[in-house]
N, C-alpha and C. Protein backbone atom coordinates (compact mmCIF):
# COMPACT_ATOMS: atom_id res chain seq x y z
N MET A 1 0.85 -1.14 0.00
CA MET A 1 0.03 0.04 -0.02
C MET A 1 0.92 1.28 0.02
N HIS A 2 0.55 2.26 -0.89
CA HIS A 2 1.32 3.46 -0.93
C HIS A 2 0.84 4.45 0.12
N SER A 3 1.70 5.36 0.49
CA SER A 3 1.23 6.37 1.46
C SER A 3 0.42 7.44 0.82
N VAL A 4 -0.34 8.19 1.68
CA VAL A 4 -1.12 9.27 1.23
C VAL A 4 -0.19 10.42 0.66
N ASP A 5 0.95 10.56 1.22
CA ASP A 5 1.93 11.57 0.70
C ASP A 5 2.33 11.21 -0.73
N VAL A 6 2.67 9.98 -0.99
CA VAL A 6 3.03 9.56 -2.32
C VAL A 6 1.89 9.78 -3.32
N GLU A 7 0.67 9.39 -2.93
CA GLU A 7 -0.47 9.55 -3.72
C GLU A 7 -0.74 11.01 -4.06
N ARG A 8 -0.70 11.82 -3.02
CA ARG A 8 -0.88 13.30 -3.21
C ARG A 8 0.06 13.92 -4.18
N ILE A 9 1.32 13.56 -3.95
CA ILE A 9 2.35 14.15 -4.83
C ILE A 9 2.19 13.56 -6.25
N ALA A 10 2.01 12.28 -6.35
CA ALA A 10 1.90 11.70 -7.73
C ALA A 10 0.71 12.27 -8.53
N GLU A 11 -0.45 12.41 -7.90
CA GLU A 11 -1.60 12.94 -8.58
C GLU A 11 -1.42 14.37 -9.03
N ALA A 12 -0.91 15.24 -8.08
CA ALA A 12 -0.67 16.67 -8.44
C ALA A 12 0.51 16.71 -9.50
N PHE A 13 1.46 15.89 -9.42
CA PHE A 13 2.60 15.84 -10.39
C PHE A 13 2.08 15.55 -11.84
N LEU A 14 1.22 14.53 -11.85
CA LEU A 14 0.65 14.16 -13.13
C LEU A 14 -0.25 15.30 -13.72
N ALA A 15 -1.06 15.83 -12.86
CA ALA A 15 -1.91 16.93 -13.28
C ALA A 15 -1.10 18.15 -13.96
N ASN A 16 -0.02 18.41 -13.26
CA ASN A 16 0.87 19.44 -13.92
C ASN A 16 1.45 19.00 -15.26
N CYS A 17 1.88 17.78 -15.30
CA CYS A 17 2.42 17.30 -16.57
C CYS A 17 1.42 17.36 -17.70
N ARG A 18 0.22 16.94 -17.44
CA ARG A 18 -0.80 16.95 -18.44
C ARG A 18 -1.21 18.38 -18.78
N ALA A 19 -1.05 19.32 -17.90
CA ALA A 19 -1.43 20.77 -18.20
C ALA A 19 -0.23 21.48 -18.79
N GLY A 20 0.90 20.81 -19.12
CA GLY A 20 2.02 21.38 -19.70
C GLY A 20 2.76 22.29 -18.69
N LYS A 21 2.67 21.96 -17.42
CA LYS A 21 3.28 22.71 -16.33
C LYS A 21 4.34 21.78 -15.55
N ASP A 22 5.07 21.03 -16.36
CA ASP A 22 5.97 20.15 -15.74
C ASP A 22 7.04 20.86 -14.94
N ARG A 23 7.44 22.08 -15.35
CA ARG A 23 8.53 22.81 -14.63
C ARG A 23 7.97 23.18 -13.17
N ASP A 24 6.59 23.38 -12.99
CA ASP A 24 6.09 23.68 -11.74
C ASP A 24 6.42 22.58 -10.72
N ASN A 25 6.49 21.32 -11.21
CA ASN A 25 6.74 20.21 -10.29
C ASN A 25 8.07 20.30 -9.59
N LEU A 26 9.02 20.90 -10.20
CA LEU A 26 10.41 20.89 -9.62
C LEU A 26 10.38 21.55 -8.30
N ASP A 27 9.96 22.81 -8.25
CA ASP A 27 10.00 23.62 -7.00
C ASP A 27 8.92 23.10 -5.99
N ALA A 28 7.78 22.56 -6.54
CA ALA A 28 6.69 22.20 -5.61
C ALA A 28 7.02 20.89 -4.94
N PHE A 29 7.62 19.90 -5.61
CA PHE A 29 7.65 18.51 -5.12
C PHE A 29 9.05 17.96 -4.91
N TYR A 30 10.09 18.61 -5.44
CA TYR A 30 11.49 17.95 -5.34
C TYR A 30 12.23 18.54 -4.20
N ALA A 31 12.91 17.62 -3.53
CA ALA A 31 13.88 17.99 -2.49
C ALA A 31 15.06 18.83 -3.08
N ASP A 32 15.65 19.70 -2.25
CA ASP A 32 16.83 20.44 -2.77
C ASP A 32 17.98 19.61 -3.23
N ASP A 33 18.05 18.46 -2.68
CA ASP A 33 19.22 17.54 -3.01
C ASP A 33 18.78 16.33 -3.82
N ALA A 34 17.71 16.44 -4.54
CA ALA A 34 17.14 15.42 -5.37
C ALA A 34 18.20 14.98 -6.37
N VAL A 35 18.06 13.77 -6.87
CA VAL A 35 18.95 13.20 -7.89
C VAL A 35 18.08 12.78 -9.08
N SER A 36 18.60 13.07 -10.36
CA SER A 36 17.88 12.71 -11.50
C SER A 36 18.83 11.85 -12.30
N VAL A 37 18.44 10.71 -12.78
CA VAL A 37 19.23 9.78 -13.56
C VAL A 37 18.55 9.36 -14.82
N GLU A 38 19.28 9.77 -15.91
CA GLU A 38 18.78 9.42 -17.24
C GLU A 38 19.25 8.08 -17.64
N ALA A 39 18.59 7.40 -18.62
CA ALA A 39 19.01 6.06 -19.08
C ALA A 39 20.28 6.19 -19.80
N MET A 40 20.54 7.35 -20.45
CA MET A 40 21.80 7.62 -21.15
C MET A 40 22.03 9.12 -21.12
N ALA A 41 23.22 9.58 -21.20
CA ALA A 41 23.58 10.95 -21.17
C ALA A 41 23.27 11.61 -22.51
N ALA A 42 22.74 12.84 -22.42
CA ALA A 42 22.66 13.73 -23.63
C ALA A 42 24.00 14.19 -23.97
N PRO A 43 24.24 14.50 -25.29
CA PRO A 43 25.56 14.97 -25.65
C PRO A 43 26.02 16.18 -24.80
N GLY A 44 27.23 15.97 -24.26
CA GLY A 44 27.82 17.03 -23.42
C GLY A 44 27.27 17.18 -22.02
N GLN A 45 26.37 16.22 -21.64
CA GLN A 45 25.72 16.29 -20.36
C GLN A 45 26.07 15.03 -19.52
N PRO A 46 26.10 15.08 -18.22
CA PRO A 46 26.25 13.86 -17.39
C PRO A 46 25.01 13.08 -17.39
N ARG A 47 25.01 11.84 -17.11
CA ARG A 47 23.80 11.01 -17.07
C ARG A 47 23.07 11.29 -15.75
N GLU A 48 23.76 11.64 -14.69
CA GLU A 48 23.19 11.86 -13.39
C GLU A 48 23.30 13.40 -12.98
N LYS A 49 22.29 13.92 -12.50
CA LYS A 49 22.23 15.38 -12.05
C LYS A 49 21.91 15.25 -10.54
N LYS A 50 22.66 16.05 -9.77
CA LYS A 50 22.39 16.11 -8.39
C LYS A 50 22.05 17.51 -7.94
N GLY A 51 20.97 17.61 -7.29
CA GLY A 51 20.40 18.91 -6.73
C GLY A 51 19.42 19.52 -7.67
N LEU A 52 18.55 20.30 -6.98
CA LEU A 52 17.43 20.88 -7.67
C LEU A 52 17.91 21.96 -8.79
N VAL A 53 18.98 22.66 -8.48
CA VAL A 53 19.53 23.59 -9.53
C VAL A 53 19.92 22.85 -10.78
N ALA A 54 20.63 21.73 -10.57
CA ALA A 54 21.13 20.92 -11.74
C ALA A 54 19.87 20.30 -12.49
N ILE A 55 18.85 19.91 -11.79
CA ILE A 55 17.68 19.33 -12.41
C ILE A 55 17.00 20.42 -13.19
N HIS A 56 16.93 21.60 -12.66
CA HIS A 56 16.37 22.78 -13.40
C HIS A 56 17.20 22.99 -14.74
N GLY A 57 18.51 22.85 -14.62
CA GLY A 57 19.41 23.06 -15.75
C GLY A 57 19.14 21.97 -16.83
N LYS A 58 18.85 20.79 -16.37
CA LYS A 58 18.53 19.68 -17.32
C LYS A 58 17.25 20.02 -18.14
N HIS A 59 16.29 20.52 -17.39
CA HIS A 59 15.05 20.97 -18.05
C HIS A 59 15.30 22.08 -19.04
N ASP A 60 16.11 23.07 -18.62
CA ASP A 60 16.53 24.16 -19.48
C ASP A 60 17.19 23.68 -20.78
N PHE A 61 18.11 22.73 -20.61
CA PHE A 61 18.82 22.15 -21.75
C PHE A 61 17.83 21.45 -22.73
N TRP A 62 16.86 20.71 -22.19
CA TRP A 62 15.83 19.96 -22.99
C TRP A 62 15.02 21.04 -23.79
N HIS A 63 14.48 22.06 -23.05
CA HIS A 63 13.51 22.97 -23.72
C HIS A 63 14.29 23.87 -24.72
N HIS A 64 15.61 24.12 -24.48
CA HIS A 64 16.37 24.85 -25.43
C HIS A 64 16.65 24.05 -26.73
N ALA A 65 16.91 22.75 -26.51
CA ALA A 65 17.34 21.95 -27.66
C ALA A 65 16.15 21.26 -28.44
N MET A 66 14.97 21.11 -27.79
CA MET A 66 13.92 20.41 -28.33
C MET A 66 12.59 21.14 -28.28
N GLU A 67 11.73 21.00 -29.33
CA GLU A 67 10.39 21.52 -29.27
C GLU A 67 9.43 20.40 -29.17
N GLU A 68 8.68 20.31 -28.12
CA GLU A 68 7.73 19.22 -27.96
C GLU A 68 6.50 19.55 -28.77
N LEU A 69 6.26 18.59 -29.63
CA LEU A 69 5.08 18.66 -30.54
C LEU A 69 3.83 18.10 -30.00
N GLU A 70 3.97 17.05 -29.23
CA GLU A 70 2.86 16.48 -28.46
C GLU A 70 3.39 15.61 -27.35
N SER A 71 2.66 15.45 -26.36
CA SER A 71 3.14 14.56 -25.21
C SER A 71 1.88 14.05 -24.47
N SER A 72 2.19 12.95 -23.70
CA SER A 72 1.22 12.37 -22.79
C SER A 72 1.87 11.74 -21.65
N ALA A 73 1.11 11.64 -20.62
CA ALA A 73 1.65 10.99 -19.39
C ALA A 73 0.60 10.05 -18.86
N GLU A 74 0.98 8.83 -18.59
CA GLU A 74 0.04 7.76 -18.12
C GLU A 74 0.47 7.31 -16.72
N GLY A 75 -0.49 7.27 -15.84
CA GLY A 75 -0.21 6.75 -14.53
C GLY A 75 -0.94 7.67 -13.56
N PRO A 76 -0.52 7.72 -12.33
CA PRO A 76 0.65 7.06 -11.75
C PRO A 76 0.37 5.61 -11.41
N PHE A 77 1.55 4.87 -11.32
CA PHE A 77 1.56 3.51 -10.90
C PHE A 77 2.38 3.38 -9.64
N TYR A 78 1.89 2.63 -8.66
CA TYR A 78 2.47 2.62 -7.35
C TYR A 78 3.13 1.22 -7.04
N ASP A 79 4.15 1.25 -6.24
CA ASP A 79 4.75 -0.02 -5.90
C ASP A 79 4.74 -0.30 -4.36
N GLY A 80 4.10 0.59 -3.59
CA GLY A 80 3.93 0.36 -2.17
C GLY A 80 5.13 0.64 -1.37
N SER A 81 6.19 1.15 -1.90
CA SER A 81 7.43 1.36 -1.10
C SER A 81 7.88 2.86 -1.14
N GLY A 82 6.89 3.80 -1.39
CA GLY A 82 7.28 5.15 -1.42
C GLY A 82 7.74 5.58 -2.86
N ARG A 83 7.41 4.83 -3.82
CA ARG A 83 7.74 5.20 -5.25
C ARG A 83 6.42 5.20 -6.06
N PHE A 84 6.50 5.96 -7.15
CA PHE A 84 5.49 5.89 -8.14
C PHE A 84 6.15 6.04 -9.55
N SER A 85 5.50 5.55 -10.57
CA SER A 85 6.03 5.67 -11.87
C SER A 85 5.06 6.26 -12.82
N VAL A 86 5.55 6.78 -13.96
CA VAL A 86 4.77 7.33 -15.00
C VAL A 86 5.31 6.97 -16.35
N ILE A 87 4.39 6.66 -17.25
CA ILE A 87 4.77 6.41 -18.72
C ILE A 87 4.65 7.70 -19.43
N PHE A 88 5.79 8.16 -20.00
CA PHE A 88 5.72 9.40 -20.82
C PHE A 88 5.85 8.95 -22.32
N LYS A 89 5.12 9.68 -23.11
CA LYS A 89 5.27 9.49 -24.50
C LYS A 89 5.27 10.93 -25.11
N ALA A 90 6.20 11.21 -26.15
CA ALA A 90 6.20 12.53 -26.68
C ALA A 90 6.77 12.40 -28.04
N GLN A 91 6.42 13.47 -28.86
CA GLN A 91 7.04 13.65 -30.13
C GLN A 91 7.72 15.00 -30.06
N ALA A 92 9.03 15.07 -30.39
CA ALA A 92 9.75 16.25 -30.29
C ALA A 92 10.57 16.57 -31.49
N LYS A 93 10.83 17.83 -31.71
CA LYS A 93 11.69 18.26 -32.86
C LYS A 93 12.96 18.84 -32.37
N ASP A 94 14.10 18.38 -32.85
CA ASP A 94 15.38 18.89 -32.55
C ASP A 94 15.50 20.22 -33.16
N ARG A 95 15.66 21.31 -32.34
CA ARG A 95 15.65 22.66 -32.89
C ARG A 95 16.82 22.91 -33.80
N ALA A 96 17.99 22.20 -33.63
CA ALA A 96 19.19 22.42 -34.44
C ALA A 96 19.03 21.70 -35.75
N THR A 97 18.51 20.56 -35.83
CA THR A 97 18.52 19.78 -37.06
C THR A 97 17.10 19.64 -37.71
N GLY A 98 16.02 19.86 -37.01
CA GLY A 98 14.73 19.71 -37.48
C GLY A 98 14.20 18.33 -37.46
N GLU A 99 15.08 17.39 -36.96
CA GLU A 99 14.64 15.97 -36.89
C GLU A 99 13.58 15.86 -35.85
N VAL A 100 12.53 15.06 -36.18
CA VAL A 100 11.45 14.69 -35.35
C VAL A 100 11.67 13.31 -34.77
N ILE A 101 11.54 13.21 -33.47
CA ILE A 101 11.73 11.90 -32.83
C ILE A 101 10.53 11.56 -31.91
N ASP A 102 10.27 10.31 -31.81
CA ASP A 102 9.18 9.75 -30.89
C ASP A 102 10.01 9.27 -29.66
N LEU A 103 9.50 9.69 -28.51
CA LEU A 103 10.03 9.27 -27.23
C LEU A 103 9.03 8.47 -26.49
N HIS A 104 9.61 7.41 -25.82
CA HIS A 104 8.68 6.60 -24.92
C HIS A 104 9.56 6.20 -23.76
N GLU A 105 9.12 6.61 -22.54
CA GLU A 105 9.95 6.29 -21.37
C GLU A 105 9.14 6.10 -20.19
N VAL A 106 9.77 5.26 -19.27
CA VAL A 106 9.17 5.13 -17.92
C VAL A 106 9.96 5.89 -16.92
N ALA A 107 9.37 6.65 -16.10
CA ALA A 107 10.01 7.45 -15.00
C ALA A 107 9.61 6.86 -13.69
N VAL A 108 10.52 6.67 -12.86
CA VAL A 108 10.29 6.16 -11.46
C VAL A 108 10.71 7.25 -10.50
N TYR A 109 9.86 7.58 -9.62
CA TYR A 109 10.12 8.65 -8.61
C TYR A 109 10.04 8.05 -7.21
N THR A 110 10.99 8.41 -6.42
CA THR A 110 11.11 8.01 -5.04
C THR A 110 10.82 9.20 -4.15
N VAL A 111 9.81 8.96 -3.25
CA VAL A 111 9.39 10.03 -2.37
C VAL A 111 9.78 9.74 -0.88
N GLU A 112 10.39 10.71 -0.26
CA GLU A 112 10.79 10.55 1.13
C GLU A 112 10.54 11.91 1.84
N ASP A 113 9.83 11.82 3.06
CA ASP A 113 9.54 13.01 3.77
C ASP A 113 8.78 14.03 2.96
N GLY A 114 7.83 13.58 2.13
CA GLY A 114 6.96 14.47 1.39
C GLY A 114 7.60 15.18 0.15
N LYS A 115 8.80 14.71 -0.25
CA LYS A 115 9.47 15.32 -1.42
C LYS A 115 10.01 14.18 -2.31
N ILE A 116 10.11 14.47 -3.58
CA ILE A 116 10.77 13.58 -4.54
C ILE A 116 12.23 13.78 -4.32
N VAL A 117 12.91 12.67 -3.98
CA VAL A 117 14.38 12.68 -3.75
C VAL A 117 15.15 11.97 -4.89
N ARG A 118 14.43 11.30 -5.77
CA ARG A 118 15.16 10.55 -6.88
C ARG A 118 14.14 10.41 -8.02
N GLU A 119 14.74 10.59 -9.25
CA GLU A 119 13.84 10.21 -10.45
C GLU A 119 14.85 9.45 -11.33
N GLU A 120 14.29 8.38 -11.97
CA GLU A 120 15.08 7.53 -12.82
C GLU A 120 14.27 7.24 -14.11
N PHE A 121 14.95 7.38 -15.27
CA PHE A 121 14.26 7.24 -16.58
C PHE A 121 14.74 5.99 -17.24
N PHE A 122 13.77 5.23 -17.84
CA PHE A 122 14.05 4.06 -18.58
C PHE A 122 13.45 4.27 -19.97
N TYR A 123 14.29 4.15 -21.07
CA TYR A 123 13.85 4.46 -22.38
C TYR A 123 13.27 3.21 -23.10
N GLY A 124 12.44 3.51 -24.10
CA GLY A 124 11.92 2.37 -24.95
C GLY A 124 12.92 1.77 -25.96
N PHE A 125 14.10 2.12 -25.81
CA PHE A 125 15.17 1.55 -26.72
C PHE A 125 16.44 1.35 -25.80
N PRO A 126 17.27 0.40 -26.15
CA PRO A 126 18.49 0.13 -25.31
C PRO A 126 19.44 1.29 -25.39
N PRO A 127 19.96 1.85 -24.23
CA PRO A 127 20.96 2.89 -24.26
C PRO A 127 22.21 2.37 -24.82
N SER A 128 22.98 3.23 -25.58
CA SER A 128 24.29 2.87 -25.94
C SER A 128 25.25 2.98 -24.83
N SER A 129 26.30 2.07 -24.89
CA SER A 129 27.23 2.10 -23.69
C SER A 129 28.43 2.91 -24.00
């Protein structure tokens, strides 16, 4: 059974994502020392970001490099241990090249003391090593 805190955060988190307000989630729900782990590193970026400032920077990098054409968020899904997951799908255009890509990922969020302390992303294709 998941906690009321996890459910409250997950439901509000998803509502913001669906409303195009994903950036609002960072200050509202993330711990200052949260960790974000991508399945693979973006060019010139580390795979893991530590701290809310660095996670904001990751979002800045994405929004600067890519234009989201459409997106959806499915979930939340709970595991009973203080975590929830979301399935994200998006179509985005690389601002530099114009290439359009389809993205499909699962995100797992760990909640402790009423804040997200870790997010991990799993992509719909194998990451290159």
